[in-house]
PDB file of all heavy atoms in Angstrom:
ATOM      1  N   GLU A   1       0.840  -1.194   0.000  1.00  0.00           N
ATOM      2  CA  GLU A   1       0.000   0.000   0.000  1.00  0.00           C
ATOM      3  C   GLU A   1       0.875   1.244   0.000  1.00  0.00           C
ATOM      4  O   GLU A   1       0.372   2.346   0.131  1.00  0.00           O
ATOM      5  CB  GLU A   1      -0.931  -0.001   1.213  1.00  0.00           C
ATOM      6  CG  GLU A   1      -1.997  -1.070   1.146  1.00  0.00           C
ATOM      7  CD  GLU A   1      -2.987  -0.992   2.287  1.00  0.00           C
ATOM      8  OE1 GLU A   1      -2.669  -0.389   3.325  1.00  0.00           O
ATOM      9  OE2 GLU A   1      -4.088  -1.536   2.137  1.00  0.00           O
ATOM     10  N   GLN A   2       2.200   1.047  -0.117  1.00  0.00           N
ATOM     11  CA  GLN A   2       3.151   2.155  -0.109  1.00  0.00           C
ATOM     12  C   GLN A   2       3.857   2.219  -1.454  1.00  0.00           C
ATOM     13  O   GLN A   2       4.253   1.188  -2.009  1.00  0.00           O
ATOM     14  CB  GLN A   2       4.171   1.978   1.005  1.00  0.00           C
ATOM     15  CG  GLN A   2       3.548   1.939   2.376  1.00  0.00           C
ATOM     16  CD  GLN A   2       4.573   1.607   3.451  1.00  0.00           C
ATOM     17  OE1 GLN A   2       5.699   1.234   3.149  1.00  0.00           O
ATOM     18  NE2 GLN A   2       4.170   1.740   4.694  1.00  0.00           N
ATOM     19  N   GLU A   3       4.058   3.422  -1.949  1.00  0.00           N
ATOM     20  CA  GLU A   3       4.669   3.616  -3.258  1.00  0.00           C
ATOM     21  C   GLU A   3       6.093   3.061  -3.323  1.00  0.00           C
ATOM     22  O   GLU A   3       6.509   2.514  -4.334  1.00  0.00           O
ATOM     23  CB  GLU A   3       4.682   5.107  -3.589  1.00  0.00           C
ATOM     24  CG  GLU A   3       5.185   5.436  -4.968  1.00  0.00           C
ATOM     25  CD  GLU A   3       5.078   6.912  -5.252  1.00  0.00           C
ATOM     26  OE1 GLU A   3       4.043   7.500  -4.933  1.00  0.00           O
ATOM     27  OE2 GLU A   3       6.052   7.457  -5.783  1.00  0.00           O
ATOM     28  N   ASP A   4       6.847   3.168  -2.239  1.00  0.00           N
ATOM     29  CA  ASP A   4       8.248   2.757  -2.238  1.00  0.00           C
ATOM     30  C   ASP A   4       8.454   1.268  -1.974  1.00  0.00           C
ATOM     31  O   ASP A   4       9.579   0.779  -2.066  1.00  0.00           O
ATOM     32  CB  ASP A   4       9.032   3.557  -1.199  1.00  0.00           C
ATOM     33  CG  ASP A   4       9.123   5.029  -1.566  1.00  0.00           C
ATOM     34  OD1 ASP A   4       9.104   5.333  -2.777  1.00  0.00           O
ATOM     35  OD2 ASP A   4       9.212   5.870  -0.658  1.00  0.00           O
ATOM     36  N   LEU A   5       7.411   0.560  -1.616  1.00  0.00           N
ATOM     37  CA  LEU A   5       7.517  -0.869  -1.339  1.00  0.00           C
ATOM     38  C   LEU A   5       7.066  -1.649  -2.571  1.00  0.00           C
ATOM     39  O   LEU A   5       5.922  -1.565  -2.994  1.00  0.00           O
ATOM     40  CB  LEU A   5       6.666  -1.271  -0.133  1.00  0.00           C
ATOM     41  CG  LEU A   5       6.587  -2.767   0.181  1.00  0.00           C
ATOM     42  CD1 LEU A   5       7.972  -3.324   0.509  1.00  0.00           C
ATOM     43  CD2 LEU A   5       5.619  -3.013   1.324  1.00  0.00           C
ATOM     44  N   GLU A   6       7.994  -2.407  -3.141  1.00  0.00           N
ATOM     45  CA  GLU A   6       7.678  -3.221  -4.317  1.00  0.00           C
ATOM     46  C   GLU A   6       7.542  -4.677  -3.879  1.00  0.00           C
ATOM     47  O   GLU A   6       8.414  -5.209  -3.197  1.00  0.00           O
ATOM     48  CB  GLU A   6       8.795  -3.104  -5.348  1.00  0.00           C
ATOM     49  CG  GLU A   6       8.530  -3.870  -6.613  1.00  0.00           C
ATOM     50  CD  GLU A   6       9.661  -3.735  -7.619  1.00  0.00           C
ATOM     51  OE1 GLU A   6      10.291  -2.672  -7.675  1.00  0.00           O
ATOM     52  OE2 GLU A   6       9.917  -4.707  -8.333  1.00  0.00           O
ATOM     53  N   VAL A   7       6.430  -5.298  -4.251  1.00  0.00           N
ATOM     54  CA  VAL A   7       6.170  -6.688  -3.888  1.00  0.00           C
ATOM     55  C   VAL A   7       5.963  -7.489  -5.171  1.00  0.00           C
ATOM     56  O   VAL A   7       5.117  -7.148  -5.994  1.00  0.00           O
ATOM     57  CB  VAL A   7       4.919  -6.812  -2.983  1.00  0.00           C
ATOM     58  CG1 VAL A   7       4.637  -8.267  -2.653  1.00  0.00           C
ATOM     59  CG2 VAL A   7       5.084  -5.994  -1.715  1.00  0.00           C
ATOM     60  N   GLN A   8       6.763  -8.551  -5.315  1.00  0.00           N
ATOM     61  CA  GLN A   8       6.629  -9.450  -6.468  1.00  0.00           C
ATOM     62  C   GLN A   8       6.396 -10.851  -5.934  1.00  0.00           C
ATOM     63  O   GLN A   8       7.154 -11.326  -5.082  1.00  0.00           O
ATOM     64  CB  GLN A   8       7.890  -9.429  -7.322  1.00  0.00           C
ATOM     65  CG  GLN A   8       8.180  -8.094  -7.941  1.00  0.00           C
ATOM     66  CD  GLN A   8       9.500  -8.103  -8.697  1.00  0.00           C
ATOM     67  OE1 GLN A   8      10.379  -8.906  -8.427  1.00  0.00           O
ATOM     68  NE2 GLN A   8       9.618  -7.199  -9.654  1.00  0.00           N
ATOM     69  N   THR A   9       5.342 -11.504  -6.422  1.00  0.00           N
ATOM     70  CA  THR A   9       5.016 -12.852  -5.956  1.00  0.00           C
ATOM     71  C   THR A   9       4.880 -13.783  -7.143  1.00  0.00           C
ATOM     72  O   THR A   9       4.310 -13.416  -8.173  1.00  0.00           O
ATOM     73  CB  THR A   9       3.702 -12.843  -5.147  1.00  0.00           C
ATOM     74  OG1 THR A   9       3.855 -11.965  -4.036  1.00  0.00           O
ATOM     75  CG2 THR A   9       3.363 -14.218  -4.637  1.00  0.00           C
ATOM     76  N   ARG A  10       5.385 -14.989  -6.958  1.00  0.00           N
ATOM     77  CA  ARG A  10       5.265 -16.042  -7.967  1.00  0.00           C
ATOM     78  C   ARG A  10       4.747 -17.281  -7.249  1.00  0.00           C
ATOM     79  O   ARG A  10       5.249 -17.640  -6.182  1.00  0.00           O
ATOM     80  CB  ARG A  10       6.626 -16.331  -8.598  1.00  0.00           C
ATOM     81  CG  ARG A  10       6.569 -17.311  -9.733  1.00  0.00           C
ATOM     82  CD  ARG A  10       7.918 -17.426 -10.417  1.00  0.00           C
ATOM     83  NE  ARG A  10       8.865 -18.162  -9.604  1.00  0.00           N
ATOM     84  CZ  ARG A  10       9.131 -19.466  -9.764  1.00  0.00           C
ATOM     85  NH1 ARG A  10       8.514 -20.143 -10.708  1.00  0.00           N
ATOM     86  NH2 ARG A  10       9.993 -20.073  -9.001  1.00  0.00           N
ATOM     87  N   ALA A  11       3.743 -17.909  -7.813  1.00  0.00           N
ATOM     88  CA  ALA A  11       3.161 -19.106  -7.206  1.00  0.00           C
ATOM     89  C   ALA A  11       3.183 -20.263  -8.198  1.00  0.00           C
ATOM     90  O   ALA A  11       2.944 -20.077  -9.387  1.00  0.00           O
ATOM     91  CB  ALA A  11       1.725 -18.832  -6.767  1.00  0.00           C
ATOM     92  N   VAL A  12       3.477 -21.452  -7.672  1.00  0.00           N
ATOM     93  CA  VAL A  12       3.482 -22.675  -8.481  1.00  0.00           C
ATOM     94  C   VAL A  12       2.659 -23.714  -7.745  1.00  0.00           C
ATOM     95  O   VAL A  12       3.008 -24.084  -6.630  1.00  0.00           O
ATOM     96  CB  VAL A  12       4.924 -23.203  -8.703  1.00  0.00           C
ATOM     97  CG1 VAL A  12       4.899 -24.505  -9.468  1.00  0.00           C
ATOM     98  CG2 VAL A  12       5.778 -22.154  -9.392  1.00  0.00           C
ATOM     99  N   PRO A  13       1.544 -24.166  -8.305  1.00  0.00           N
ATOM    100  CA  PRO A  13       0.930 -23.722  -9.557  1.00  0.00           C
ATOM    101  C   PRO A  13       0.381 -22.303  -9.412  1.00  0.00           C
ATOM    102  O   PRO A  13       0.242 -21.806  -8.297  1.00  0.00           O
ATOM    103  CB  PRO A  13      -0.209 -24.732  -9.758  1.00  0.00           C
ATOM    104  CG  PRO A  13      -0.573 -25.180  -8.393  1.00  0.00           C
ATOM    105  CD  PRO A  13       0.714 -25.181  -7.621  1.00  0.00           C
ATOM    106  N   PRO A  14       0.066 -21.652 -10.527  1.00  0.00           N
ATOM    107  CA  PRO A  14      -0.471 -20.288 -10.450  1.00  0.00           C
ATOM    108  C   PRO A  14      -1.764 -20.232  -9.633  1.00  0.00           C
ATOM    109  O   PRO A  14      -2.524 -21.198  -9.575  1.00  0.00           O
ATOM    110  CB  PRO A  14      -0.752 -19.940 -11.918  1.00  0.00           C
ATOM    111  CG  PRO A  14       0.127 -20.850 -12.701  1.00  0.00           C
ATOM    112  CD  PRO A  14       0.224 -22.115 -11.903  1.00  0.00           C
ATOM    113  N   VAL A  15      -1.984 -19.092  -9.012  1.00  0.00           N
ATOM    114  CA  VAL A  15      -3.183 -18.847  -8.205  1.00  0.00           C
ATOM    115  C   VAL A  15      -4.420 -18.927  -9.105  1.00  0.00           C
ATOM    116  O   VAL A  15      -4.420 -18.432 -10.228  1.00  0.00           O
ATOM    117  CB  VAL A  15      -3.069 -17.450  -7.547  1.00  0.00           C
ATOM    118  CG1 VAL A  15      -4.365 -17.041  -6.896  1.00  0.00           C
ATOM    119  CG2 VAL A  15      -1.914 -17.435  -6.556  1.00  0.00           C
ATOM    120  N   SER A  16      -5.489 -19.540  -8.601  1.00  0.00           N
ATOM    121  CA  SER A  16      -6.745 -19.646  -9.349  1.00  0.00           C
ATOM    122  C   SER A  16      -7.652 -18.441  -9.132  1.00  0.00           C
ATOM    123  O   SER A  16      -8.406 -18.054 -10.021  1.00  0.00           O
ATOM    124  CB  SER A  16      -7.513 -20.898  -8.911  1.00  0.00           C
ATOM    125  OG  SER A  16      -6.734 -22.048  -9.070  1.00  0.00           O
ATOM    126  N   GLU A  17      -7.597 -17.853  -7.921  1.00  0.00           N
ATOM    127  CA  GLU A  17      -8.451 -16.709  -7.571  1.00  0.00           C
ATOM    128  C   GLU A  17      -7.626 -15.682  -6.798  1.00  0.00           C
ATOM    129  O   GLU A  17      -6.791 -16.049  -5.985  1.00  0.00           O
ATOM    130  CB  GLU A  17      -9.599 -17.134  -6.658  1.00  0.00           C
ATOM    131  CG  GLU A  17     -10.528 -18.184  -7.193  1.00  0.00           C
ATOM    132  CD  GLU A  17     -11.510 -18.630  -6.121  1.00  0.00           C
ATOM    133  OE1 GLU A  17     -12.199 -17.778  -5.531  1.00  0.00           O
ATOM    134  OE2 GLU A  17     -11.555 -19.841  -5.849  1.00  0.00           O
ATOM    135  N   THR A  18      -7.900 -14.406  -7.045  1.00  0.00           N
ATOM    136  CA  THR A  18      -7.275 -13.337  -6.266  1.00  0.00           C
ATOM    137  C   THR A  18      -8.364 -12.515  -5.586  1.00  0.00           C
ATOM    138  O   THR A  18      -9.516 -12.505  -6.023  1.00  0.00           O
ATOM    139  CB  THR A  18      -6.422 -12.413  -7.153  1.00  0.00           C
ATOM    140  OG1 THR A  18      -7.247 -11.858  -8.175  1.00  0.00           O
ATOM    141  CG2 THR A  18      -5.263 -13.165  -7.785  1.00  0.00           C
ATOM    142  N   ASP A  19      -7.989 -11.828  -4.522  1.00  0.00           N
ATOM    143  CA  ASP A  19      -8.925 -10.984  -3.760  1.00  0.00           C
ATOM    144  C   ASP A  19     -10.201 -11.753  -3.404  1.00  0.00           C
ATOM    145  O   ASP A  19     -11.319 -11.277  -3.622  1.00  0.00           O
ATOM    146  CB  ASP A  19      -9.247  -9.693  -4.512  1.00  0.00           C
ATOM    147  CG  ASP A  19      -7.998  -8.840  -4.739  1.00  0.00           C
ATOM    148  OD1 ASP A  19      -7.048  -8.959  -3.943  1.00  0.00           O
ATOM    149  OD2 ASP A  19      -7.977  -8.064  -5.706  1.00  0.00           O
ATOM    150  N   VAL A  20     -10.010 -12.937  -2.826  1.00  0.00           N
ATOM    151  CA  VAL A  20     -11.126 -13.804  -2.441  1.00  0.00           C
ATOM    152  C   VAL A  20     -12.027 -13.059  -1.461  1.00  0.00           C
ATOM    153  O   VAL A  20     -11.560 -12.425  -0.518  1.00  0.00           O
ATOM    154  CB  VAL A  20     -10.595 -15.110  -1.810  1.00  0.00           C
ATOM    155  CG1 VAL A  20     -11.726 -15.953  -1.251  1.00  0.00           C
ATOM    156  CG2 VAL A  20      -9.788 -15.903  -2.837  1.00  0.00           C
ATOM    157  N   ASP A  21     -13.328 -13.130  -1.690  1.00  0.00           N
ATOM    158  CA  ASP A  21     -14.335 -12.443  -0.870  1.00  0.00           C
ATOM    159  C   ASP A  21     -14.035 -10.954  -0.756  1.00  0.00           C
ATOM    160  O   ASP A  21     -14.259 -10.335   0.289  1.00  0.00           O
ATOM    161  CB  ASP A  21     -14.433 -13.075   0.525  1.00  0.00           C
ATOM    162  CG  ASP A  21     -14.910 -14.508   0.487  1.00  0.00           C
ATOM    163  OD1 ASP A  21     -15.648 -14.865  -0.464  1.00  0.00           O
ATOM    164  OD2 ASP A  21     -14.532 -15.285   1.382  1.00  0.00           O
ATOM    165  N   ASP A  22     -13.498 -10.374  -1.836  1.00  0.00           N
ATOM    166  CA  ASP A  22     -13.157  -8.945  -1.898  1.00  0.00           C
ATOM    167  C   ASP A  22     -12.156  -8.527  -0.830  1.00  0.00           C
ATOM    168  O   ASP A  22     -12.152  -7.376  -0.385  1.00  0.00           O
ATOM    169  CB  ASP A  22     -14.419  -8.073  -1.808  1.00  0.00           C
ATOM    170  CG  ASP A  22     -15.330  -8.259  -2.998  1.00  0.00           C
ATOM    171  OD1 ASP A  22     -14.804  -8.421  -4.123  1.00  0.00           O
ATOM    172  OD2 ASP A  22     -16.561  -8.258  -2.822  1.00  0.00           O
ATOM    173  N   LYS A  23     -11.280  -9.446  -0.420  1.00  0.00           N
ATOM    174  CA  LYS A  23     -10.234  -9.144   0.563  1.00  0.00           C
ATOM    175  C   LYS A  23      -8.896  -9.123  -0.161  1.00  0.00           C
ATOM    176  O   LYS A  23      -8.454 -10.137  -0.701  1.00  0.00           O
ATOM    177  CB  LYS A  23     -10.232 -10.173   1.684  1.00  0.00           C
ATOM    178  CG  LYS A  23     -11.492 -10.114   2.513  1.00  0.00           C
ATOM    179  CD  LYS A  23     -11.475 -11.139   3.607  1.00  0.00           C
ATOM    180  CE  LYS A  23     -12.801 -11.074   4.361  1.00  0.00           C
ATOM    181  NZ  LYS A  23     -12.980 -12.215   5.239  1.00  0.00           N
ATOM    182  N   ARG A  24      -8.273  -7.959  -0.167  1.00  0.00           N
ATOM    183  CA  ARG A  24      -7.007  -7.784  -0.867  1.00  0.00           C
ATOM    184  C   ARG A  24      -5.928  -8.683  -0.256  1.00  0.00           C
ATOM    185  O   ARG A  24      -5.800  -8.775   0.956  1.00  0.00           O
ATOM    186  CB  ARG A  24      -6.577  -6.326  -0.791  1.00  0.00           C
ATOM    187  CG  ARG A  24      -5.420  -6.025  -1.680  1.00  0.00           C
ATOM    188  CD  ARG A  24      -5.199  -4.551  -1.814  1.00  0.00           C
ATOM    189  NE  ARG A  24      -4.052  -4.338  -2.672  1.00  0.00           N
ATOM    190  CZ  ARG A  24      -3.400  -3.214  -2.748  1.00  0.00           C
ATOM    191  NH1 ARG A  24      -3.779  -2.182  -2.037  1.00  0.00           N
ATOM    192  NH2 ARG A  24      -2.365  -3.107  -3.543  1.00  0.00           N
ATOM    193  N   GLY A  25      -5.180  -9.355  -1.115  1.00  0.00           N
ATOM    194  CA  GLY A  25      -4.099 -10.219  -0.668  1.00  0.00           C
ATOM    195  C   GLY A  25      -4.523 -11.647  -0.369  1.00  0.00           C
ATOM    196  O   GLY A  25      -3.678 -12.500  -0.129  1.00  0.00           O
ATOM    197  N   VAL A  26      -5.822 -11.923  -0.378  1.00  0.00           N
ATOM    198  CA  VAL A  26      -6.299 -13.281  -0.121  1.00  0.00           C
ATOM    199  C   VAL A  26      -6.449 -13.988  -1.467  1.00  0.00           C
ATOM    200  O   VAL A  26      -7.101 -13.475  -2.373  1.00  0.00           O
ATOM    201  CB  VAL A  26      -7.639 -13.281   0.658  1.00  0.00           C
ATOM    202  CG1 VAL A  26      -8.133 -14.695   0.873  1.00  0.00           C
ATOM    203  CG2 VAL A  26      -7.474 -12.565   1.996  1.00  0.00           C
ATOM    204  N   VAL A  27      -5.801 -15.147  -1.579  1.00  0.00           N
ATOM    205  CA  VAL A  27      -5.781 -15.892  -2.839  1.00  0.00           C
ATOM    206  C   VAL A  27      -6.258 -17.319  -2.604  1.00  0.00           C
ATOM    207  O   VAL A  27      -6.324 -17.779  -1.466  1.00  0.00           O
ATOM    208  CB  VAL A  27      -4.364 -15.903  -3.456  1.00  0.00           C
ATOM    209  CG1 VAL A  27      -3.918 -14.496  -3.812  1.00  0.00           C
ATOM    210  CG2 VAL A  27      -3.372 -16.574  -2.529  1.00  0.00           C
ATOM    211  N   ALA A  28      -6.580 -17.995  -3.702  1.00  0.00           N
ATOM    212  CA  ALA A  28      -7.029 -19.386  -3.597  1.00  0.00           C
ATOM    213  C   ALA A  28      -6.539 -20.184  -4.790  1.00  0.00           C
ATOM    214  O   ALA A  28      -6.361 -19.652  -5.885  1.00  0.00           O
ATOM    215  CB  ALA A  28      -8.550 -19.458  -3.509  1.00  0.00           C
ATOM    216  N   TRP A  29      -6.315 -21.447  -4.528  1.00  0.00           N
ATOM    217  CA  TRP A  29      -6.007 -22.424  -5.566  1.00  0.00           C
ATOM    218  C   TRP A  29      -7.127 -23.434  -5.580  1.00  0.00           C
ATOM    219  O   TRP A  29      -7.602 -23.864  -4.531  1.00  0.00           O
ATOM    220  CB  TRP A  29      -4.693 -23.165  -5.262  1.00  0.00           C
ATOM    221  CG  TRP A  29      -3.456 -22.341  -5.374  1.00  0.00           C
ATOM    222  CD1 TRP A  29      -2.632 -22.246  -6.456  1.00  0.00           C
ATOM    223  CD2 TRP A  29      -2.865 -21.524  -4.364  1.00  0.00           C
ATOM    224  NE1 TRP A  29      -1.569 -21.427  -6.180  1.00  0.00           N
ATOM    225  CE2 TRP A  29      -1.694 -20.959  -4.895  1.00  0.00           C
ATOM    226  CE3 TRP A  29      -3.225 -21.195  -3.048  1.00  0.00           C
ATOM    227  CZ2 TRP A  29      -0.881 -20.101  -4.175  1.00  0.00           C
ATOM    228  CZ3 TRP A  29      -2.407 -20.336  -2.331  1.00  0.00           C
ATOM    229  CH2 TRP A  29      -1.251 -19.801  -2.897  1.00  0.00           C
ATOM    230  N   ARG A  30      -7.575 -23.849  -6.768  1.00  0.00           N
ATOM    231  CA  ARG A  30      -8.589 -24.894  -6.914  1.00  0.00           C
ATOM    232  C   ARG A  30      -7.970 -26.042  -7.701  1.00  0.00           C
ATOM    233  O   ARG A  30      -7.336 -25.817  -8.734  1.00  0.00           O
ATOM    234  CB  ARG A  30      -9.811 -24.377  -7.660  1.00  0.00           C
ATOM    235  CG  ARG A  30     -10.654 -23.412  -6.867  1.00  0.00           C
ATOM    236  CD  ARG A  30     -11.893 -23.021  -7.683  1.00  0.00           C
ATOM    237  NE  ARG A  30     -12.728 -22.094  -6.968  1.00  0.00           N
ATOM    238  CZ  ARG A  30     -13.716 -22.437  -6.159  1.00  0.00           C
ATOM    239  NH1 ARG A  30     -13.997 -23.708  -5.970  1.00  0.00           N
ATOM    240  NH2 ARG A  30     -14.435 -21.525  -5.555  1.00  0.00           N
ATOM    241  N   PHE A  31      -8.169 -27.265  -7.192  1.00  0.00           N
ATOM    242  CA  PHE A  31      -7.653 -28.434  -7.888  1.00  0.00           C
ATOM    243  C   PHE A  31      -8.366 -29.676  -7.384  1.00  0.00           C
ATOM    244  O   PHE A  31      -8.981 -29.674  -6.318  1.00  0.00           O
ATOM    245  CB  PHE A  31      -6.132 -28.574  -7.717  1.00  0.00           C
ATOM    246  CG  PHE A  31      -5.658 -28.496  -6.295  1.00  0.00           C
ATOM    247  CD1 PHE A  31      -5.588 -29.626  -5.491  1.00  0.00           C
ATOM    248  CD2 PHE A  31      -5.269 -27.285  -5.751  1.00  0.00           C
ATOM    249  CE1 PHE A  31      -5.136 -29.555  -4.186  1.00  0.00           C
ATOM    250  CE2 PHE A  31      -4.812 -27.200  -4.442  1.00  0.00           C
ATOM    251  CZ  PHE A  31      -4.750 -28.341  -3.659  1.00  0.00           C
ATOM    252  N   GLU A  32      -8.289 -30.728  -8.189  1.00  0.00           N
ATOM    253  CA  GLU A  32      -8.831 -32.027  -7.813  1.00  0.00           C
ATOM    254  C   GLU A  32      -7.722 -32.815  -7.125  1.00  0.00           C
ATOM    255  O   GLU A  32      -6.585 -32.834  -7.603  1.00  0.00           O
ATOM    256  CB  GLU A  32      -9.322 -32.791  -9.043  1.00  0.00           C
ATOM    257  CG  GLU A  32     -10.471 -32.105  -9.772  1.00  0.00           C
ATOM    258  CD  GLU A  32     -11.704 -31.929  -8.905  1.00  0.00           C
ATOM    259  OE1 GLU A  32     -12.087 -32.914  -8.224  1.00  0.00           O
ATOM    260  OE2 GLU A  32     -12.275 -30.825  -8.896  1.00  0.00           O
ATOM    261  N   LEU A  33      -8.065 -33.450  -6.012  1.00  0.00           N
ATOM    262  CA  LEU A  33      -7.093 -34.250  -5.273  1.00  0.00           C
ATOM    263  C   LEU A  33      -7.626 -35.673  -5.167  1.00  0.00           C
ATOM    264  O   LEU A  33      -8.628 -35.925  -4.495  1.00  0.00           O
ATOM    265  CB  LEU A  33      -6.854 -33.650  -3.889  1.00  0.00           C
ATOM    266  CG  LEU A  33      -5.654 -34.177  -3.115  1.00  0.00           C
ATOM    267  CD1 LEU A  33      -4.359 -33.971  -3.900  1.00  0.00           C
ATOM    268  CD2 LEU A  33      -5.548 -33.490  -1.768  1.00  0.00           C
ATOM    269  N   LEU A  34      -6.968 -36.578  -5.873  1.00  0.00           N
ATOM    270  CA  LEU A  34      -7.406 -37.975  -5.898  1.00  0.00           C
ATOM    271  C   LEU A  34      -7.165 -38.658  -4.556  1.00  0.00           C
ATOM    272  O   LEU A  34      -6.319 -38.228  -3.772  1.00  0.00           O
ATOM    273  CB  LEU A  34      -6.666 -38.730  -7.002  1.00  0.00           C
ATOM    274  CG  LEU A  34      -6.831 -38.185  -8.424  1.00  0.00           C
ATOM    275  CD1 LEU A  34      -5.998 -38.998  -9.397  1.00  0.00           C
ATOM    276  CD2 LEU A  34      -8.294 -38.163  -8.822  1.00  0.00           C
ATOM    277  N   ALA A  35      -7.904 -39.723  -4.307  1.00  0.00           N
ATOM    278  CA  ALA A  35      -7.761 -40.491  -3.062  1.00  0.00           C
ATOM    279  C   ALA A  35      -6.309 -40.915  -2.876  1.00  0.00           C
ATOM    280  O   ALA A  35      -5.686 -41.429  -3.799  1.00  0.00           O
ATOM    281  CB  ALA A  35      -8.670 -41.713  -3.095  1.00  0.00           C
ATOM    282  N   GLY A  36      -5.760 -40.640  -1.688  1.00  0.00           N
ATOM    283  CA  GLY A  36      -4.396 -41.029  -1.366  1.00  0.00           C
ATOM    284  C   GLY A  36      -3.304 -40.153  -1.958  1.00  0.00           C
ATOM    285  O   GLY A  36      -2.127 -40.376  -1.718  1.00  0.00           O
ATOM    286  N   ALA A  37      -3.674 -39.139  -2.722  1.00  0.00           N
ATOM    287  CA  ALA A  37      -2.685 -38.281  -3.383  1.00  0.00           C
ATOM    288  C   ALA A  37      -2.350 -37.064  -2.520  1.00  0.00           C
ATOM    289  O   ALA A  37      -3.040 -36.750  -1.557  1.00  0.00           O
ATOM    290  CB  ALA A  37      -3.210 -37.830  -4.737  1.00  0.00           C
ATOM    291  N   SER A  38      -1.279 -36.384  -2.898  1.00  0.00           N
ATOM    292  CA  SER A  38      -0.918 -35.131  -2.252  1.00  0.00           C
ATOM    293  C   SER A  38      -0.523 -34.123  -3.322  1.00  0.00           C
ATOM    294  O   SER A  38      -0.185 -34.495  -4.446  1.00  0.00           O
ATOM    295  CB  SER A  38       0.222 -35.327  -1.253  1.00  0.00           C
ATOM    296  OG  SER A  38       1.397 -35.718  -1.917  1.00  0.00           O
ATOM    297  N   LYS A  39      -0.591 -32.835  -2.960  1.00  0.00           N
ATOM    298  CA  LYS A  39      -0.236 -31.774  -3.899  1.00  0.00           C
ATOM    299  C   LYS A  39       0.502 -30.691  -3.137  1.00  0.00           C
ATOM    300  O   LYS A  39       0.103 -30.307  -2.040  1.00  0.00           O
ATOM    301  CB  LYS A  39      -1.476 -31.195  -4.568  1.00  0.00           C
ATOM    302  CG  LYS A  39      -1.155 -30.109  -5.571  1.00  0.00           C
ATOM    303  CD  LYS A  39      -2.298 -29.879  -6.501  1.00  0.00           C
ATOM    304  CE  LYS A  39      -1.985 -28.856  -7.559  1.00  0.00           C
ATOM    305  NZ  LYS A  39      -1.361 -29.422  -8.719  1.00  0.00           N
ATOM    306  N   SER A  40       1.555 -30.180  -3.744  1.00  0.00           N
ATOM    307  CA  SER A  40       2.350 -29.113  -3.156  1.00  0.00           C
ATOM    308  C   SER A  40       2.016 -27.793  -3.840  1.00  0.00           C
ATOM    309  O   SER A  40       1.888 -27.736  -5.064  1.00  0.00           O
ATOM    310  CB  SER A  40       3.838 -29.432  -3.331  1.00  0.00           C
ATOM    311  OG  SER A  40       4.623 -28.367  -2.869  1.00  0.00           O
ATOM    312  N   VAL A  41       1.881 -26.733  -3.043  1.00  0.00           N
ATOM    313  CA  VAL A  41       1.651 -25.382  -3.545  1.00  0.00           C
ATOM    314  C   VAL A  41       2.743 -24.510  -2.940  1.00  0.00           C
ATOM    315  O   VAL A  41       2.956 -24.516  -1.731  1.00  0.00           O
ATOM    316  CB  VAL A  41       0.253 -24.855  -3.138  1.00  0.00           C
ATOM    317  CG1 VAL A  41       0.078 -23.414  -3.545  1.00  0.00           C
ATOM    318  CG2 VAL A  41      -0.836 -25.726  -3.755  1.00  0.00           C
TER     319      VAL A  41
END
């Protein structure tokens, strides 16, 4: 929220949603997770 502060973010996998519920900075990922599987974000 400050002009002199630069913020760069990279997400793997890319974010599916930004500003969730109209809240700045809140993000979400959507994916299918099979039985017994795991996923890293």
